[in-house]
N, C-alpha and C. Protein backbone atom coordinates (compact mmCIF):
# COMPACT_ATOMS: atom_id res chain seq x y z
N MET A 1 102.16 -15.84 20.53
CA MET A 1 101.75 -14.50 20.15
C MET A 1 102.83 -13.54 20.81
N ASN A 2 103.39 -12.76 20.04
CA ASN A 2 104.27 -11.79 20.35
C ASN A 2 103.63 -10.41 20.91
N TYR A 3 103.67 -10.27 22.25
CA TYR A 3 102.88 -9.30 23.04
C TYR A 3 103.40 -7.90 22.55
N ARG A 4 104.64 -7.73 22.11
CA ARG A 4 105.24 -6.52 21.81
C ARG A 4 104.60 -5.97 20.57
N ARG A 5 104.54 -7.11 19.58
CA ARG A 5 104.20 -6.69 18.03
C ARG A 5 102.50 -6.32 18.33
N PHE A 6 101.97 -7.07 19.18
CA PHE A 6 100.48 -6.77 19.42
C PHE A 6 100.41 -5.42 19.85
N ILE A 7 101.12 -4.88 20.66
CA ILE A 7 100.80 -3.64 21.35
C ILE A 7 101.25 -2.56 20.16
N ILE A 8 102.22 -2.89 19.32
CA ILE A 8 102.46 -1.98 18.04
C ILE A 8 101.34 -1.95 17.18
N TYR A 9 100.71 -3.18 16.99
CA TYR A 9 99.60 -3.31 15.92
C TYR A 9 98.45 -2.39 16.67
N GLN A 10 98.18 -2.63 18.14
CA GLN A 10 96.95 -1.98 18.50
C GLN A 10 97.14 -0.48 18.79
N GLY A 11 98.31 -0.07 18.94
CA GLY A 11 98.67 1.31 19.01
C GLY A 11 98.48 2.00 17.53
N THR A 12 98.81 1.20 16.59
CA THR A 12 98.52 1.74 15.10
C THR A 12 97.17 1.81 14.71
N VAL A 13 96.17 0.82 15.19
CA VAL A 13 94.85 0.88 14.95
C VAL A 13 94.12 1.89 15.79
N GLY A 14 94.71 2.01 16.88
CA GLY A 14 94.06 3.09 18.07
C GLY A 14 94.58 4.54 17.48
N MET A 15 95.60 4.60 16.75
CA MET A 15 95.92 5.98 16.16
C MET A 15 95.08 6.30 15.03
N ALA A 16 94.79 5.22 14.21
CA ALA A 16 93.92 5.52 12.95
C ALA A 16 92.64 5.79 13.35
N ALA A 17 92.11 5.03 14.37
CA ALA A 17 90.67 5.45 14.75
C ALA A 17 90.69 6.64 15.31
N SER A 18 91.68 7.12 16.08
CA SER A 18 91.54 8.40 16.79
C SER A 18 91.73 9.50 15.95
N MET A 19 92.24 9.17 14.81
CA MET A 19 92.41 10.29 13.73
C MET A 19 90.93 10.67 13.24
N ILE A 20 90.09 9.84 13.27
CA ILE A 20 88.67 10.15 12.44
C ILE A 20 87.71 10.31 13.42
N PHE A 21 87.58 9.60 14.62
CA PHE A 21 86.37 9.59 15.48
C PHE A 21 86.18 10.90 16.06
N PRO A 22 87.14 11.82 16.49
CA PRO A 22 86.81 13.09 16.87
C PRO A 22 86.40 14.08 15.92
N PHE A 23 86.68 13.77 14.65
CA PHE A 23 86.53 14.65 13.52
C PHE A 23 85.50 14.42 12.64
N TYR A 24 84.74 13.05 12.71
CA TYR A 24 83.87 12.75 11.62
C TYR A 24 82.46 13.40 11.89
N VAL A 25 82.36 14.01 13.14
CA VAL A 25 81.31 14.70 13.30
C VAL A 25 81.31 15.98 12.25
N LEU A 26 82.37 16.58 11.91
CA LEU A 26 82.46 17.59 11.09
C LEU A 26 82.05 17.12 9.51
N LEU A 27 82.51 16.02 9.14
CA LEU A 27 82.10 15.33 8.17
C LEU A 27 80.67 15.00 8.06
N LEU A 28 80.01 14.72 9.09
CA LEU A 28 78.55 14.37 9.01
C LEU A 28 77.68 15.59 8.76
N LYS A 29 78.34 16.96 9.05
CA LYS A 29 77.50 18.11 8.68
C LYS A 29 77.28 18.12 7.16
N ASN A 30 78.07 17.49 6.32
CA ASN A 30 77.81 17.57 4.87
C ASN A 30 76.62 16.47 4.70
N ALA A 31 76.37 15.47 5.33
CA ALA A 31 75.28 14.38 5.11
C ALA A 31 74.11 14.60 5.63
N GLY A 32 74.23 15.16 6.95
CA GLY A 32 72.92 15.29 7.79
C GLY A 32 73.07 16.62 8.49
N GLY A 33 71.89 16.99 9.03
CA GLY A 33 71.96 18.27 9.38
C GLY A 33 71.35 18.51 11.05
N SER A 34 71.37 17.49 11.59
CA SER A 34 70.89 17.52 13.09
C SER A 34 71.56 16.66 14.11
N TYR A 35 71.71 16.87 15.17
CA TYR A 35 72.10 16.00 16.35
C TYR A 35 71.39 14.76 16.39
N SER A 36 70.12 14.64 15.93
CA SER A 36 69.28 13.54 16.19
C SER A 36 69.92 12.45 15.15
N GLN A 37 70.16 13.11 14.06
CA GLN A 37 70.85 12.13 12.88
C GLN A 37 72.13 11.72 13.40
N PHE A 38 72.94 12.41 14.10
CA PHE A 38 74.35 12.04 14.78
C PHE A 38 73.88 10.90 15.61
N GLY A 39 73.03 11.23 16.43
CA GLY A 39 72.56 10.32 17.56
C GLY A 39 72.37 8.90 17.00
N TRP A 40 71.37 9.00 15.91
CA TRP A 40 70.93 7.69 15.32
C TRP A 40 72.33 7.02 14.61
N ALA A 41 73.27 7.73 14.16
CA ALA A 41 74.40 7.22 13.44
C ALA A 41 75.06 6.33 14.56
N TYR A 42 75.55 7.17 15.58
CA TYR A 42 76.37 6.56 16.56
C TYR A 42 75.56 5.55 17.42
N GLY A 43 74.20 5.61 17.52
CA GLY A 43 73.42 4.58 18.09
C GLY A 43 73.45 3.20 17.29
N LEU A 44 73.35 3.43 16.06
CA LEU A 44 73.56 2.40 15.08
C LEU A 44 74.83 1.48 15.45
N PHE A 45 75.79 2.38 15.42
CA PHE A 45 77.16 1.83 15.52
C PHE A 45 77.16 0.87 16.81
N ALA A 46 76.78 1.71 17.97
CA ALA A 46 76.72 0.92 19.36
C ALA A 46 75.88 -0.43 19.29
N LEU A 47 74.65 -0.31 18.69
CA LEU A 47 73.71 -1.29 18.87
C LEU A 47 74.17 -2.48 18.06
N THR A 48 74.73 -2.17 16.88
CA THR A 48 75.18 -3.23 15.94
C THR A 48 76.30 -4.06 16.64
N ALA A 49 77.35 -3.21 17.23
CA ALA A 49 78.35 -3.91 18.05
C ALA A 49 77.88 -4.87 19.06
N ALA A 50 76.86 -4.25 19.89
CA ALA A 50 76.17 -4.98 21.08
C ALA A 50 75.57 -6.27 20.60
N LEU A 51 74.93 -6.20 19.58
CA LEU A 51 74.30 -7.50 19.06
C LEU A 51 74.84 -8.47 18.40
N SER A 52 76.29 -7.97 18.07
CA SER A 52 77.04 -8.95 17.55
C SER A 52 78.25 -9.75 18.24
N TYR A 53 78.44 -9.08 19.39
CA TYR A 53 79.32 -9.66 20.16
C TYR A 53 79.38 -11.21 20.55
N SER A 54 78.22 -11.79 20.83
CA SER A 54 78.16 -13.20 21.15
C SER A 54 78.49 -14.03 19.94
N VAL A 55 77.99 -13.65 18.74
CA VAL A 55 78.32 -14.28 17.65
C VAL A 55 79.97 -14.27 17.36
N ILE A 56 80.37 -13.13 17.47
CA ILE A 56 81.85 -12.89 17.12
C ILE A 56 82.63 -13.51 18.13
N GLY A 57 82.31 -13.63 19.42
CA GLY A 57 82.96 -14.31 20.30
C GLY A 57 83.02 -15.87 20.15
N LYS A 58 82.08 -16.39 19.71
CA LYS A 58 81.93 -17.91 19.44
C LYS A 58 82.84 -18.13 18.08
N PHE A 59 82.73 -17.15 17.06
CA PHE A 59 83.52 -17.31 15.98
C PHE A 59 85.00 -17.15 16.14
N ALA A 60 85.32 -16.36 16.98
CA ALA A 60 86.71 -15.87 17.41
C ALA A 60 87.41 -17.05 17.78
N ASP A 61 86.95 -18.01 18.84
CA ASP A 61 87.54 -19.33 18.91
C ASP A 61 87.87 -20.14 17.97
N ASN A 62 87.09 -20.21 16.87
CA ASN A 62 87.21 -21.02 15.77
C ASN A 62 88.21 -20.41 14.70
N ALA A 63 88.06 -19.13 14.36
CA ALA A 63 88.74 -18.56 13.37
C ALA A 63 90.20 -17.95 13.78
N GLY A 64 90.20 -17.76 15.03
CA GLY A 64 91.58 -17.24 15.59
C GLY A 64 91.64 -15.62 15.73
N ASP A 65 92.32 -15.21 16.52
CA ASP A 65 92.44 -13.72 16.77
C ASP A 65 93.18 -12.97 15.71
N ASN A 66 94.25 -13.50 15.09
CA ASN A 66 95.09 -12.97 14.09
C ASN A 66 93.97 -12.84 12.79
N ALA A 67 93.29 -13.71 12.46
CA ALA A 67 92.26 -13.71 11.36
C ALA A 67 91.36 -12.54 11.34
N LEU A 68 90.86 -12.25 12.65
CA LEU A 68 89.83 -11.28 12.88
C LEU A 68 90.49 -9.88 12.98
N LEU A 69 91.76 -9.81 13.47
CA LEU A 69 92.49 -8.51 13.40
C LEU A 69 92.61 -8.12 12.14
N VAL A 70 93.00 -9.15 11.27
CA VAL A 70 93.23 -8.73 9.69
C VAL A 70 91.85 -8.24 9.16
N VAL A 71 90.79 -8.98 9.42
CA VAL A 71 89.53 -8.64 9.03
C VAL A 71 89.12 -7.04 9.43
N TYR A 72 89.47 -6.86 10.71
CA TYR A 72 89.23 -5.48 11.27
C TYR A 72 89.94 -4.49 10.59
N SER A 73 91.30 -4.63 10.33
CA SER A 73 92.06 -3.56 9.77
C SER A 73 91.73 -3.36 8.34
N TRP A 74 91.65 -4.41 7.57
CA TRP A 74 91.07 -4.15 6.07
C TRP A 74 89.72 -3.74 6.01
N GLY A 75 88.72 -4.17 6.81
CA GLY A 75 87.46 -3.62 6.82
C GLY A 75 87.42 -2.27 7.01
N MET A 76 88.24 -1.80 8.10
CA MET A 76 88.29 -0.26 8.47
C MET A 76 88.79 0.51 7.26
N ALA A 77 89.97 -0.06 6.79
CA ALA A 77 90.63 0.73 5.66
C ALA A 77 89.77 1.03 4.43
N LEU A 78 88.79 -0.17 4.04
CA LEU A 78 87.73 0.06 3.04
C LEU A 78 86.47 0.93 3.31
N VAL A 79 85.99 0.77 4.69
CA VAL A 79 84.98 1.79 5.08
C VAL A 79 85.53 3.12 5.01
N LEU A 80 86.65 3.39 5.47
CA LEU A 80 87.20 4.72 5.64
C LEU A 80 87.28 5.29 4.27
N ILE A 81 87.51 4.48 3.20
CA ILE A 81 87.61 5.01 1.80
C ILE A 81 86.22 5.61 1.41
N ALA A 82 85.32 4.89 1.79
CA ALA A 82 83.79 5.23 1.50
C ALA A 82 83.25 6.39 2.27
N PHE A 83 83.69 6.65 3.46
CA PHE A 83 83.10 7.72 4.22
C PHE A 83 83.08 9.02 3.77
N PRO A 84 84.21 9.43 3.13
CA PRO A 84 84.16 11.02 2.59
C PRO A 84 83.25 10.95 1.22
N LEU A 85 82.82 9.90 0.73
CA LEU A 85 81.84 9.85 -0.45
C LEU A 85 80.35 9.86 0.04
N ALA A 86 80.23 9.66 1.15
CA ALA A 86 78.83 9.54 1.77
C ALA A 86 78.23 11.05 1.86
N TYR A 87 77.23 11.13 0.95
CA TYR A 87 76.49 12.51 0.76
C TYR A 87 75.10 12.43 1.41
N GLU A 88 74.40 11.30 1.74
CA GLU A 88 73.31 11.16 2.16
C GLU A 88 73.11 10.52 3.68
N ILE A 89 72.34 10.98 4.50
CA ILE A 89 72.52 10.32 5.77
C ILE A 89 72.22 8.70 5.95
N TRP A 90 71.56 8.28 4.96
CA TRP A 90 71.52 6.65 5.01
C TRP A 90 72.67 6.04 4.64
N HIS A 91 73.64 6.78 3.86
CA HIS A 91 74.87 6.23 3.53
C HIS A 91 75.76 6.14 4.84
N VAL A 92 75.66 7.24 5.77
CA VAL A 92 76.37 7.32 7.03
C VAL A 92 75.79 6.05 8.01
N TYR A 93 74.58 5.95 7.87
CA TYR A 93 73.85 4.89 8.74
C TYR A 93 74.51 3.46 8.27
N VAL A 94 74.55 3.08 7.11
CA VAL A 94 74.88 2.00 6.55
C VAL A 94 76.49 1.77 7.11
N LEU A 95 77.37 2.96 6.76
CA LEU A 95 78.73 2.91 7.33
C LEU A 95 78.96 2.55 8.69
N GLN A 96 77.88 3.28 9.60
CA GLN A 96 78.17 3.05 10.90
C GLN A 96 77.67 1.44 11.44
N ILE A 97 76.71 0.94 10.68
CA ILE A 97 76.50 -0.30 11.05
C ILE A 97 77.63 -1.27 10.66
N VAL A 98 78.36 -0.97 9.48
CA VAL A 98 79.49 -1.94 9.24
C VAL A 98 80.58 -1.61 10.00
N MET A 99 80.75 -0.29 10.67
CA MET A 99 81.72 0.00 11.49
C MET A 99 81.38 -0.49 12.89
N GLY A 100 80.14 -0.69 13.25
CA GLY A 100 79.73 -1.36 14.58
C GLY A 100 80.34 -2.68 14.59
N LEU A 101 79.95 -3.46 13.57
CA LEU A 101 80.38 -4.97 13.34
C LEU A 101 81.79 -4.94 13.61
N LEU A 102 82.61 -4.25 12.66
CA LEU A 102 84.02 -4.25 12.87
C LEU A 102 84.63 -3.83 14.18
N GLY A 103 83.88 -2.86 14.91
CA GLY A 103 84.30 -2.38 16.10
C GLY A 103 84.18 -3.67 17.01
N ALA A 104 83.15 -4.38 16.95
CA ALA A 104 83.03 -5.43 17.86
C ALA A 104 83.97 -6.53 17.58
N VAL A 105 84.41 -6.74 16.43
CA VAL A 105 85.36 -7.66 16.13
C VAL A 105 86.66 -7.22 16.68
N GLN A 106 87.13 -5.87 16.58
CA GLN A 106 88.25 -5.47 17.14
C GLN A 106 88.31 -5.51 18.72
N LYS A 107 87.28 -5.07 19.37
CA LYS A 107 87.21 -5.27 20.78
C LYS A 107 87.31 -6.52 21.40
N ASN A 108 86.56 -7.56 20.86
CA ASN A 108 86.55 -8.91 21.09
C ASN A 108 87.98 -9.42 21.03
N SER A 109 88.36 -9.26 19.82
CA SER A 109 89.85 -9.67 19.43
C SER A 109 90.97 -9.05 20.41
N GLU A 110 90.82 -7.82 20.72
CA GLU A 110 91.68 -7.35 21.67
C GLU A 110 91.71 -7.93 22.90
N LYS A 111 90.60 -8.07 23.49
CA LYS A 111 90.46 -8.84 24.81
C LYS A 111 90.87 -10.30 24.80
N THR A 112 90.50 -10.94 23.61
CA THR A 112 91.07 -12.38 23.74
C THR A 112 92.78 -12.43 23.58
N VAL A 113 93.11 -11.71 22.76
CA VAL A 113 94.58 -11.61 22.49
C VAL A 113 95.25 -11.22 23.96
N LEU A 114 94.93 -10.25 24.48
CA LEU A 114 95.44 -9.89 25.93
C LEU A 114 95.06 -11.06 27.05
N ALA A 115 93.97 -11.69 27.05
CA ALA A 115 93.80 -12.95 27.95
C ALA A 115 94.63 -13.89 27.53
N ARG A 116 94.98 -14.23 26.34
CA ARG A 116 95.75 -15.39 25.99
C ARG A 116 97.48 -14.97 26.11
N SER A 117 97.70 -13.79 26.15
CA SER A 117 99.19 -13.17 26.15
C SER A 117 99.66 -12.95 27.68
N VAL A 118 98.97 -12.45 28.42
CA VAL A 118 99.40 -12.03 29.67
C VAL A 118 99.55 -13.24 30.69
N LYS A 119 100.51 -13.21 31.56
CA LYS A 119 100.61 -14.07 32.58
C LYS A 119 99.54 -13.56 33.66
N LYS A 120 98.85 -14.56 34.43
CA LYS A 120 97.79 -14.24 35.28
C LYS A 120 98.54 -13.56 36.37
N GLU A 121 99.59 -13.93 36.97
CA GLU A 121 100.25 -13.18 38.19
C GLU A 121 100.69 -11.68 37.88
N THR A 122 100.94 -11.37 36.63
CA THR A 122 101.24 -10.02 36.39
C THR A 122 100.28 -9.49 35.46
N ALA A 123 99.00 -9.87 35.23
CA ALA A 123 98.03 -9.38 34.19
C ALA A 123 97.83 -7.89 34.39
N GLY A 124 97.58 -7.34 35.62
CA GLY A 124 97.38 -6.03 35.87
C GLY A 124 98.44 -5.03 35.18
N LYS A 125 99.69 -5.53 35.77
CA LYS A 125 100.92 -4.59 35.30
C LYS A 125 100.95 -4.62 33.62
N GLU A 126 100.72 -5.79 33.12
CA GLU A 126 101.10 -5.86 31.51
C GLU A 126 99.83 -5.17 30.85
N ILE A 127 98.59 -5.32 31.39
CA ILE A 127 97.70 -4.71 30.59
C ILE A 127 97.57 -3.09 31.03
N GLY A 128 98.04 -2.69 32.15
CA GLY A 128 98.19 -1.20 32.37
C GLY A 128 99.36 -0.77 31.37
N ARG A 129 100.41 -1.50 31.22
CA ARG A 129 101.49 -1.01 30.10
C ARG A 129 100.78 -0.96 28.92
N TYR A 130 100.16 -2.03 28.48
CA TYR A 130 99.53 -1.76 27.16
C TYR A 130 98.68 -0.72 26.93
N HIS A 131 97.80 -0.50 27.92
CA HIS A 131 96.79 0.76 27.90
C HIS A 131 97.79 2.17 27.86
N ILE A 132 98.76 2.15 28.52
CA ILE A 132 99.79 3.38 28.43
C ILE A 132 100.01 3.69 27.06
N TRP A 133 100.62 2.61 26.26
CA TRP A 133 101.19 2.90 24.91
C TRP A 133 100.17 3.10 23.91
N THR A 134 99.04 2.38 23.96
CA THR A 134 97.98 2.56 23.18
C THR A 134 97.29 3.95 23.32
N SER A 135 97.07 4.41 24.62
CA SER A 135 96.44 5.65 24.80
C SER A 135 97.51 6.83 24.34
N ILE A 136 98.70 6.71 24.56
CA ILE A 136 99.73 7.73 24.01
C ILE A 136 99.66 7.87 22.60
N GLY A 137 99.45 6.69 21.80
CA GLY A 137 99.46 6.76 20.55
C GLY A 137 98.06 7.49 20.00
N ALA A 138 97.02 7.09 20.71
CA ALA A 138 95.62 7.72 20.28
C ALA A 138 95.65 9.13 20.61
N ALA A 139 96.34 9.66 21.68
CA ALA A 139 96.48 10.99 22.14
C ALA A 139 97.29 11.77 21.09
N ILE A 140 98.35 11.38 20.66
CA ILE A 140 99.19 11.81 19.68
C ILE A 140 98.45 12.13 18.26
N ALA A 141 97.68 11.06 17.91
CA ALA A 141 97.03 11.11 16.67
C ALA A 141 95.83 12.02 16.66
N VAL A 142 95.15 12.20 17.78
CA VAL A 142 94.05 13.30 17.89
C VAL A 142 94.68 14.60 17.67
N ILE A 143 95.70 14.97 18.29
CA ILE A 143 96.38 16.28 18.26
C ILE A 143 97.00 16.64 16.94
N ALA A 144 97.66 15.62 16.42
CA ALA A 144 98.21 15.77 15.12
C ALA A 144 97.16 15.96 13.88
N THR A 145 96.08 15.16 14.14
CA THR A 145 95.06 15.31 13.13
C THR A 145 94.31 16.63 13.27
N GLY A 146 94.28 17.26 14.34
CA GLY A 146 93.70 18.72 14.42
C GLY A 146 94.63 19.56 13.61
N TYR A 147 95.85 19.24 13.66
CA TYR A 147 96.60 20.25 12.67
C TYR A 147 96.44 19.75 11.36
N LEU A 148 96.39 18.70 10.95
CA LEU A 148 96.10 18.25 9.57
C LEU A 148 94.96 18.81 9.02
N VAL A 149 93.74 18.63 9.82
CA VAL A 149 92.41 19.18 9.33
C VAL A 149 92.69 20.63 8.91
N ASP A 150 93.50 21.39 9.66
CA ASP A 150 93.75 22.83 9.22
C ASP A 150 94.37 22.96 7.96
N PHE A 151 95.23 22.09 7.41
CA PHE A 151 95.85 22.12 6.34
C PHE A 151 95.27 21.28 5.08
N LEU A 152 94.55 20.34 5.56
CA LEU A 152 93.89 19.48 4.48
C LEU A 152 92.44 19.48 4.50
N THR A 153 91.73 18.68 3.67
CA THR A 153 90.40 18.68 3.87
C THR A 153 89.93 17.75 4.86
N ILE A 154 88.65 17.65 5.25
CA ILE A 154 88.34 16.72 6.40
C ILE A 154 88.32 15.40 5.78
N GLY A 155 87.94 15.32 4.56
CA GLY A 155 87.91 13.96 3.86
C GLY A 155 89.34 13.37 3.88
N SER A 156 90.20 14.16 3.70
CA SER A 156 91.73 13.73 3.62
C SER A 156 92.10 12.79 4.70
N ILE A 157 91.61 13.10 5.96
CA ILE A 157 91.96 12.46 7.18
C ILE A 157 91.45 10.99 7.08
N PHE A 158 90.30 10.84 6.36
CA PHE A 158 89.72 9.51 6.27
C PHE A 158 90.64 8.60 5.31
N TYR A 159 90.98 9.29 4.31
CA TYR A 159 92.07 8.45 3.48
C TYR A 159 93.32 8.14 4.19
N LEU A 160 93.80 9.06 4.93
CA LEU A 160 95.03 8.82 5.54
C LEU A 160 94.81 7.81 6.69
N ALA A 161 93.77 7.92 7.43
CA ALA A 161 93.45 6.76 8.34
C ALA A 161 93.24 5.39 7.78
N SER A 162 92.66 5.43 6.60
CA SER A 162 92.48 4.25 5.81
C SER A 162 93.91 3.72 5.40
N ILE A 163 94.74 4.30 5.12
CA ILE A 163 96.08 3.98 4.83
C ILE A 163 96.77 3.25 6.11
N VAL A 164 96.61 3.91 7.04
CA VAL A 164 97.10 3.37 8.39
C VAL A 164 96.48 2.07 8.82
N PHE A 165 95.16 2.17 8.55
CA PHE A 165 94.50 0.72 8.88
C PHE A 165 95.07 -0.29 7.74
N ALA A 166 95.11 -0.08 6.62
CA ALA A 166 95.50 -1.03 5.69
C ALA A 166 97.26 -1.53 6.16
N TRP A 167 97.88 -0.55 6.60
CA TRP A 167 99.30 -0.76 6.99
C TRP A 167 99.31 -1.91 8.14
N SER A 168 98.35 -1.66 9.07
CA SER A 168 98.05 -2.41 10.23
C SER A 168 97.68 -3.86 9.83
N GLY A 169 96.83 -3.81 8.82
CA GLY A 169 96.56 -5.36 8.31
C GLY A 169 97.71 -5.93 7.77
N PHE A 170 98.54 -5.16 7.11
CA PHE A 170 99.65 -5.98 6.46
C PHE A 170 100.55 -6.39 7.60
N TYR A 171 100.73 -5.44 8.72
CA TYR A 171 101.66 -5.82 9.82
C TYR A 171 101.19 -6.98 10.42
N ILE A 172 99.75 -7.23 10.74
CA ILE A 172 99.21 -8.35 11.54
C ILE A 172 99.46 -9.61 10.61
N MET A 173 99.24 -9.46 9.41
CA MET A 173 99.40 -10.71 8.48
C MET A 173 100.98 -11.15 8.43
N LYS A 174 101.80 -10.19 8.58
CA LYS A 174 103.29 -10.69 8.63
C LYS A 174 103.51 -11.25 9.82
N ARG A 175 102.91 -10.62 10.88
CA ARG A 175 103.12 -11.32 12.17
C ARG A 175 102.53 -12.63 12.17
N ASP A 176 101.41 -12.90 11.53
CA ASP A 176 100.69 -14.08 11.53
C ASP A 176 101.47 -15.18 10.85
N THR A 177 102.16 -14.74 9.79
CA THR A 177 102.88 -15.89 8.71
C THR A 177 104.10 -16.13 9.45
N SER A 178 104.86 -14.98 10.07
CA SER A 178 106.01 -15.21 10.60
C SER A 178 106.41 -16.03 12.03
N GLU A 179 105.14 -16.02 12.69
CA GLU A 179 105.20 -16.73 14.00
C GLU A 179 104.35 -18.06 13.84
N SER A 180 103.95 -18.44 12.76
CA SER A 180 103.40 -19.71 12.55
C SER A 180 104.33 -20.93 12.54
């Protein structure tokens, strides 16, 4: 496992996720009209993730981290294409359930790759460096997306983030085949 390429991949998906998560509340205004609906949407996301971790963890050991990272990237790319088309709150709820499952795949895979990649003796330092770069990418994405929303429509950032997720899927697939 190439640790540097993993950091690039995680930085990329972190940027793509950061492009949409702070702003999708604005998009929800079109599908729902209350904070309770937003609470339900985010709650379904979190609950789905929580209930799926143990299954995903068992599956990860058999399927492999790279396969799950590809599933996450391509799954998110497809979900984000559908998000701007959601005009009923139940559409958002379904998308949140799918995103909760994908989020659990990502979080579990991220941790297993880190656990398998870093040396025990320097794990804190390496994981700290990992978080620096992925957090910087996320911060830049949030700031830049704020400007993009001013010039584009709110829906367009979902399409842009979808493209970034799709690219990350290609990137991890390339890594998977080139390092086998």
